[in-house]
Amino acid sequence: MATATISSKYQFVIPKQIWQEVPIRIGQTVQVLAKGGIITLVPDRPLAELRGFLRGMKTEGFREKVDRV
């Protein structure tokens, strides 16, 4: 498990084994989420990178036909 130390300015360095495993770039922004005492960093991804990620997803059975307008 990788560890990082918080500096006096509340900054930390992402350990090398983490940034090698996760596709992040220098200067990339991340979303910082806090819930139940846990901090999660989620890298922002360009919209073009998401193109086609739902391809092949089942679209039937998510809601009843009577719910449709």
PDB file of N, CA and C in Angstrom:
ATOM      1  N   MET A   1       0.846  -1.176   0.000  1.00  0.00           N
ATOM      2  CA  MET A   1       0.000   0.000   0.000  1.00  0.00           C
ATOM      3  C   MET A   1       0.887   1.234   0.000  1.00  0.00           C
ATOM      4  N   ALA A   2       0.577   2.158  -0.875  1.00  0.00           N
ATOM      5  CA  ALA A   2       1.339   3.398  -0.973  1.00  0.00           C
ATOM      6  C   ALA A   2       0.859   4.387   0.086  1.00  0.00           C
ATOM      7  N   THR A   3       1.776   5.176   0.602  1.00  0.00           N
ATOM      8  CA  THR A   3       1.414   6.200   1.582  1.00  0.00           C
ATOM      9  C   THR A   3       1.962   7.544   1.128  1.00  0.00           C
ATOM     10  N   ALA A   4       1.335   8.600   1.611  1.00  0.00           N
ATOM     11  CA  ALA A   4       1.783   9.962   1.332  1.00  0.00           C
ATOM     12  C   ALA A   4       1.628  10.766   2.616  1.00  0.00           C
ATOM     13  N   THR A   5       2.449  11.773   2.787  1.00  0.00           N
ATOM     14  CA  THR A   5       2.411  12.620   3.971  1.00  0.00           C
ATOM     15  C   THR A   5       1.867  13.993   3.582  1.00  0.00           C
ATOM     16  N   ILE A   6       0.980  14.516   4.393  1.00  0.00           N
ATOM     17  CA  ILE A   6       0.402  15.839   4.161  1.00  0.00           C
ATOM     18  C   ILE A   6       1.388  16.890   4.665  1.00  0.00           C
ATOM     19  N   SER A   7       1.693  17.888   3.832  1.00  0.00           N
ATOM     20  CA  SER A   7       2.631  18.948   4.218  1.00  0.00           C
ATOM     21  C   SER A   7       1.920  19.990   5.077  1.00  0.00           C
ATOM     22  N   SER A   8       2.682  20.970   5.548  1.00  0.00           N
ATOM     23  CA  SER A   8       2.111  22.049   6.360  1.00  0.00           C
ATOM     24  C   SER A   8       1.130  22.905   5.556  1.00  0.00           C
ATOM     25  N   LYS A   9       1.209  22.827   4.218  1.00  0.00           N
ATOM     26  CA  LYS A   9       0.283  23.554   3.346  1.00  0.00           C
ATOM     27  C   LYS A   9      -0.847  22.655   2.849  1.00  0.00           C
ATOM     28  N   TYR A  10      -1.039  21.519   3.497  1.00  0.00           N
ATOM     29  CA  TYR A  10      -2.068  20.531   3.140  1.00  0.00           C
ATOM     30  C   TYR A  10      -1.871  19.995   1.727  1.00  0.00           C
ATOM     31  N   GLN A  11      -0.639  19.823   1.301  1.00  0.00           N
ATOM     32  CA  GLN A  11      -0.320  19.259  -0.003  1.00  0.00           C
ATOM     33  C   GLN A  11       0.296  17.885   0.193  1.00  0.00           C
ATOM     34  N   PHE A  12       0.193  17.059  -0.845  1.00  0.00           N
ATOM     35  CA  PHE A  12       0.860  15.763  -0.807  1.00  0.00           C
ATOM     36  C   PHE A  12       1.253  15.374  -2.220  1.00  0.00           C
ATOM     37  N   VAL A  13       2.161  14.418  -2.331  1.00  0.00           N
ATOM     38  CA  VAL A  13       2.642  13.924  -3.612  1.00  0.00           C
ATOM     39  C   VAL A  13       2.032  12.552  -3.842  1.00  0.00           C
ATOM     40  N   ILE A  14       1.472  12.346  -5.031  1.00  0.00           N
ATOM     41  CA  ILE A  14       0.917  11.033  -5.372  1.00  0.00           C
ATOM     42  C   ILE A  14       2.098  10.080  -5.556  1.00  0.00           C
ATOM     43  N   PRO A  15       2.134   8.976  -4.821  1.00  0.00           N
ATOM     44  CA  PRO A  15       3.263   8.045  -4.925  1.00  0.00           C
ATOM     45  C   PRO A  15       3.446   7.515  -6.351  1.00  0.00           C
ATOM     46  N   LYS A  16       4.706   7.247  -6.710  1.00  0.00           N
ATOM     47  CA  LYS A  16       5.058   6.822  -8.054  1.00  0.00           C
ATOM     48  C   LYS A  16       4.286   5.582  -8.495  1.00  0.00           C
ATOM     49  N   GLN A  17       4.152   4.586  -7.619  1.00  0.00           N
ATOM     50  CA  GLN A  17       3.450   3.365  -8.015  1.00  0.00           C
ATOM     51  C   GLN A  17       1.983   3.631  -8.345  1.00  0.00           C
ATOM     52  N   ILE A  18       1.402   4.685  -7.784  1.00  0.00           N
ATOM     53  CA  ILE A  18       0.005   5.030  -8.078  1.00  0.00           C
ATOM     54  C   ILE A  18      -0.088   5.744  -9.419  1.00  0.00           C
ATOM     55  N   TRP A  19       0.751   6.777  -9.646  1.00  0.00           N
ATOM     56  CA  TRP A  19       0.621   7.505 -10.920  1.00  0.00           C
ATOM     57  C   TRP A  19       1.107   6.694 -12.095  1.00  0.00           C
ATOM     58  N   GLN A  20       1.885   5.652 -11.880  1.00  0.00           N
ATOM     59  CA  GLN A  20       2.245   4.763 -12.980  1.00  0.00           C
ATOM     60  C   GLN A  20       1.085   3.835 -13.334  1.00  0.00           C
ATOM     61  N   GLU A  21       0.279   3.501 -12.341  1.00  0.00           N
ATOM     62  CA  GLU A  21      -0.853   2.594 -12.547  1.00  0.00           C
ATOM     63  C   GLU A  21      -2.082   3.307 -13.100  1.00  0.00           C
ATOM     64  N   VAL A  22      -2.291   4.542 -12.670  1.00  0.00           N
ATOM     65  CA  VAL A  22      -3.475   5.314 -13.064  1.00  0.00           C
ATOM     66  C   VAL A  22      -3.090   6.275 -14.183  1.00  0.00           C
ATOM     67  N   PRO A  23      -3.883   6.320 -15.272  1.00  0.00           N
ATOM     68  CA  PRO A  23      -3.527   7.200 -16.396  1.00  0.00           C
ATOM     69  C   PRO A  23      -3.805   8.675 -16.111  1.00  0.00           C
ATOM     70  N   ILE A  24      -2.860   9.344 -15.446  1.00  0.00           N
ATOM     71  CA  ILE A  24      -2.978  10.781 -15.191  1.00  0.00           C
ATOM     72  C   ILE A  24      -1.773  11.481 -15.822  1.00  0.00           C
ATOM     73  N   ARG A  25      -1.955  12.773 -16.094  1.00  0.00           N
ATOM     74  CA  ARG A  25      -0.910  13.564 -16.735  1.00  0.00           C
ATOM     75  C   ARG A  25      -0.564  14.771 -15.862  1.00  0.00           C
ATOM     76  N   ILE A  26       0.616  15.318 -16.064  1.00  0.00           N
ATOM     77  CA  ILE A  26       1.008  16.538 -15.368  1.00  0.00           C
ATOM     78  C   ILE A  26       0.069  17.659 -15.803  1.00  0.00           C
ATOM     79  N   GLY A  27      -0.452  18.403 -14.858  1.00  0.00           N
ATOM     80  CA  GLY A  27      -1.356  19.510 -15.149  1.00  0.00           C
ATOM     81  C   GLY A  27      -2.815  19.103 -15.258  1.00  0.00           C
ATOM     82  N   GLN A  28      -3.112  17.806 -15.209  1.00  0.00           N
ATOM     83  CA  GLN A  28      -4.496  17.343 -15.307  1.00  0.00           C
ATOM     84  C   GLN A  28      -5.253  17.710 -14.028  1.00  0.00           C
ATOM     85  N   THR A  29      -6.522  18.047 -14.155  1.00  0.00           N
ATOM     86  CA  THR A  29      -7.331  18.355 -12.989  1.00  0.00           C
ATOM     87  C   THR A  29      -8.008  17.092 -12.482  1.00  0.00           C
ATOM     88  N   VAL A  30      -8.312  17.104 -11.193  1.00  0.00           N
ATOM     89  CA  VAL A  30      -9.010  15.978 -10.571  1.00  0.00           C
ATOM     90  C   VAL A  30     -10.169  16.513  -9.742  1.00  0.00           C
ATOM     91  N   GLN A  31     -11.199  15.724  -9.618  1.00  0.00           N
ATOM     92  CA  GLN A  31     -12.308  16.042  -8.732  1.00  0.00           C
ATOM     93  C   GLN A  31     -11.954  15.471  -7.361  1.00  0.00           C
ATOM     94  N   VAL A  32     -12.178  16.239  -6.304  1.00  0.00           N
ATOM     95  CA  VAL A  32     -11.877  15.790  -4.945  1.00  0.00           C
ATOM     96  C   VAL A  32     -13.205  15.599  -4.233  1.00  0.00           C
ATOM     97  N   LEU A  33     -13.457  14.359  -3.827  1.00  0.00           N
ATOM     98  CA  LEU A  33     -14.714  14.015  -3.168  1.00  0.00           C
ATOM     99  C   LEU A  33     -14.427  13.548  -1.754  1.00  0.00           C
ATOM    100  N   ALA A  34     -15.245  13.974  -0.802  1.00  0.00           N
ATOM    101  CA  ALA A  34     -15.102  13.536   0.583  1.00  0.00           C
ATOM    102  C   ALA A  34     -16.440  13.001   1.061  1.00  0.00           C
ATOM    103  N   LYS A  35     -16.425  11.802   1.614  1.00  0.00           N
ATOM    104  CA  LYS A  35     -17.657  11.204   2.126  1.00  0.00           C
ATOM    105  C   LYS A  35     -17.298  10.222   3.236  1.00  0.00           C
ATOM    106  N   GLY A  36     -17.900  10.412   4.372  1.00  0.00           N
ATOM    107  CA  GLY A  36     -17.671   9.500   5.481  1.00  0.00           C
ATOM    108  C   GLY A  36     -16.225   9.439   5.936  1.00  0.00           C
ATOM    109  N   GLY A  37     -15.500  10.560   5.852  1.00  0.00           N
ATOM    110  CA  GLY A  37     -14.114  10.593   6.286  1.00  0.00           C
ATOM    111  C   GLY A  37     -13.125  10.019   5.291  1.00  0.00           C
ATOM    112  N   ILE A  38     -13.582   9.715   4.073  1.00  0.00           N
ATOM    113  CA  ILE A  38     -12.710   9.164   3.033  1.00  0.00           C
ATOM    114  C   ILE A  38     -12.597  10.176   1.907  1.00  0.00           C
ATOM    115  N   ILE A  39     -11.380  10.456   1.463  1.00  0.00           N
ATOM    116  CA  ILE A  39     -11.123  11.392   0.360  1.00  0.00           C
ATOM    117  C   ILE A  39     -10.827  10.578  -0.891  1.00  0.00           C
ATOM    118  N   THR A  40     -11.523  10.908  -1.976  1.00  0.00           N
ATOM    119  CA  THR A  40     -11.325  10.217  -3.246  1.00  0.00           C
ATOM    120  C   THR A  40     -10.931  11.243  -4.304  1.00  0.00           C
ATOM    121  N   LEU A  41      -9.899  10.932  -5.077  1.00  0.00           N
ATOM    122  CA  LEU A  41      -9.483  11.788  -6.190  1.00  0.00           C
ATOM    123  C   LEU A  41      -9.915  11.102  -7.479  1.00  0.00           C
ATOM    124  N   VAL A  42     -10.681  11.821  -8.312  1.00  0.00           N
ATOM    125  CA  VAL A  42     -11.166  11.277  -9.573  1.00  0.00           C
ATOM    126  C   VAL A  42     -10.631  12.140 -10.710  1.00  0.00           C
ATOM    127  N   PRO A  43      -9.751  11.581 -11.550  1.00  0.00           N
ATOM    128  CA  PRO A  43      -9.196  12.375 -12.657  1.00  0.00           C
ATOM    129  C   PRO A  43     -10.289  12.795 -13.645  1.00  0.00           C
ATOM    130  N   ASP A  44     -10.252  14.077 -14.051  1.00  0.00           N
ATOM    131  CA  ASP A  44     -11.150  14.544 -15.109  1.00  0.00           C
ATOM    132  C   ASP A  44     -10.701  13.923 -16.416  1.00  0.00           C
ATOM    133  N   ARG A  45     -11.663  13.502 -17.229  1.00  0.00           N
ATOM    134  CA  ARG A  45     -11.346  12.916 -18.528  1.00  0.00           C
ATOM    135  C   ARG A  45     -12.011  13.744 -19.606  1.00  0.00           C
ATOM    136  N   PRO A  46     -11.325  13.967 -20.731  1.00  0.00           N
ATOM    137  CA  PRO A  46     -11.933  14.732 -21.823  1.00  0.00           C
ATOM    138  C   PRO A  46     -13.186  14.011 -22.336  1.00  0.00           C
ATOM    139  N   LEU A  47     -14.179  14.766 -22.748  1.00  0.00           N
ATOM    140  CA  LEU A  47     -15.421  14.189 -23.234  1.00  0.00           C
ATOM    141  C   LEU A  47     -15.187  13.268 -24.425  1.00  0.00           C
ATOM    142  N   ALA A  48     -14.248  13.619 -25.290  1.00  0.00           N
ATOM    143  CA  ALA A  48     -13.957  12.790 -26.462  1.00  0.00           C
ATOM    144  C   ALA A  48     -13.461  11.402 -26.064  1.00  0.00           C
ATOM    145  N   GLU A  49     -12.816  11.293 -24.912  1.00  0.00           N
ATOM    146  CA  GLU A  49     -12.308  10.004 -24.434  1.00  0.00           C
ATOM    147  C   GLU A  49     -13.445   9.064 -24.038  1.00  0.00           C
ATOM    148  N   LEU A  50     -14.595   9.628 -23.690  1.00  0.00           N
ATOM    149  CA  LEU A  50     -15.733   8.818 -23.272  1.00  0.00           C
ATOM    150  C   LEU A  50     -16.560   8.296 -24.440  1.00  0.00           C
ATOM    151  N   ARG A  51     -16.270   8.749 -25.635  1.00  0.00           N
ATOM    152  CA  ARG A  51     -17.041   8.353 -26.805  1.00  0.00           C
ATOM    153  C   ARG A  51     -17.034   6.832 -26.986  1.00  0.00           C
ATOM    154  N   GLY A  52     -18.232   6.252 -27.058  1.00  0.00           N
ATOM    155  CA  GLY A  52     -18.381   4.827 -27.321  1.00  0.00           C
ATOM    156  C   GLY A  52     -18.277   3.931 -26.106  1.00  0.00           C
ATOM    157  N   PHE A  53     -18.137   4.477 -24.886  1.00  0.00           N
ATOM    158  CA  PHE A  53     -17.956   3.599 -23.738  1.00  0.00           C
ATOM    159  C   PHE A  53     -19.230   2.851 -23.361  1.00  0.00           C
ATOM    160  N   LEU A  54     -20.379   3.261 -23.893  1.00  0.00           N
ATOM    161  CA  LEU A  54     -21.637   2.546 -23.634  1.00  0.00           C
ATOM    162  C   LEU A  54     -21.999   1.582 -24.754  1.00  0.00           C
ATOM    163  N   ARG A  55     -21.161   1.466 -25.750  1.00  0.00           N
ATOM    164  CA  ARG A  55     -21.421   0.587 -26.880  1.00  0.00           C
ATOM    165  C   ARG A  55     -21.651  -0.840 -26.377  1.00  0.00           C
ATOM    166  N   GLY A  56     -22.748  -1.440 -26.824  1.00  0.00           N
ATOM    167  CA  GLY A  56     -23.073  -2.807 -26.441  1.00  0.00           C
ATOM    168  C   GLY A  56     -23.853  -2.919 -25.144  1.00  0.00           C
ATOM    169  N   MET A  57     -24.151  -1.798 -24.513  1.00  0.00           N
ATOM    170  CA  MET A  57     -24.884  -1.826 -23.252  1.00  0.00           C
ATOM    171  C   MET A  57     -26.347  -2.178 -23.490  1.00  0.00           C
ATOM    172  N   LYS A  58     -26.907  -3.008 -22.634  1.00  0.00           N
ATOM    173  CA  LYS A  58     -28.312  -3.390 -22.727  1.00  0.00           C
ATOM    174  C   LYS A  58     -29.179  -2.168 -22.439  1.00  0.00           C
ATOM    175  N   THR A  59     -30.154  -1.903 -23.308  1.00  0.00           N
ATOM    176  CA  THR A  59     -31.008  -0.729 -23.139  1.00  0.00           C
ATOM    177  C   THR A  59     -32.446  -1.085 -22.799  1.00  0.00           C
ATOM    178  N   GLU A  60     -32.759  -2.338 -22.725  1.00  0.00           N
ATOM    179  CA  GLU A  60     -34.120  -2.773 -22.417  1.00  0.00           C
ATOM    180  C   GLU A  60     -34.260  -3.079 -20.931  1.00  0.00           C
ATOM    181  N   GLY A  61     -35.467  -2.854 -20.404  1.00  0.00           N
ATOM    182  CA  GLY A  61     -35.773  -3.264 -19.041  1.00  0.00           C
ATOM    183  C   GLY A  61     -35.352  -2.315 -17.938  1.00  0.00           C
ATOM    184  N   PHE A  62     -34.991  -1.077 -18.265  1.00  0.00           N
ATOM    185  CA  PHE A  62     -34.596  -0.142 -17.225  1.00  0.00           C
ATOM    186  C   PHE A  62     -35.799   0.534 -16.572  1.00  0.00           C
ATOM    187  N   ARG A  63     -36.881   0.660 -17.287  1.00  0.00           N
ATOM    188  CA  ARG A  63     -38.089   1.236 -16.712  1.00  0.00           C
ATOM    189  C   ARG A  63     -39.292   0.674 -17.430  1.00  0.00           C
ATOM    190  N   GLU A  64     -40.421   0.774 -16.801  1.00  0.00           N
ATOM    191  CA  GLU A  64     -41.654   0.263 -17.357  1.00  0.00           C
ATOM    192  C   GLU A  64     -42.137   1.154 -18.501  1.00  0.00           C
ATOM    193  N   LYS A  65     -42.810   0.562 -19.471  1.00  0.00           N
ATOM    194  CA  LYS A  65     -43.322   1.357 -20.580  1.00  0.00           C
ATOM    195  C   LYS A  65     -44.370   2.364 -20.123  1.00  0.00           C
ATOM    196  N   VAL A  66     -45.100   2.054 -19.051  1.00  0.00           N
ATOM    197  CA  VAL A  66     -46.113   2.994 -18.563  1.00  0.00           C
ATOM    198  C   VAL A  66     -45.474   4.239 -17.953  1.00  0.00           C
ATOM    199  N   ASP A  67     -44.203   4.188 -17.588  1.00  0.00           N
ATOM    200  CA  ASP A  67     -43.510   5.351 -17.044  1.00  0.00           C
ATOM    201  C   ASP A  67     -43.086   6.341 -18.111  1.00  0.00           C
ATOM    202  N   ARG A  68     -43.083   5.920 -19.359  1.00  0.00           N
ATOM    203  CA  ARG A  68     -42.646   6.791 -20.454  1.00  0.00           C
ATOM    204  C   ARG A  68     -43.686   7.854 -20.743  1.00  0.00           C
ATOM    205  N   VAL A  69     -43.215   8.997 -21.157  1.00  0.00           N
ATOM    206  CA  VAL A  69     -44.105  10.116 -21.469  1.00  0.00           C
ATOM    207  C   VAL A  69     -44.585  10.008 -22.890  1.00  0.00           C
TER     208      VAL A  69
END
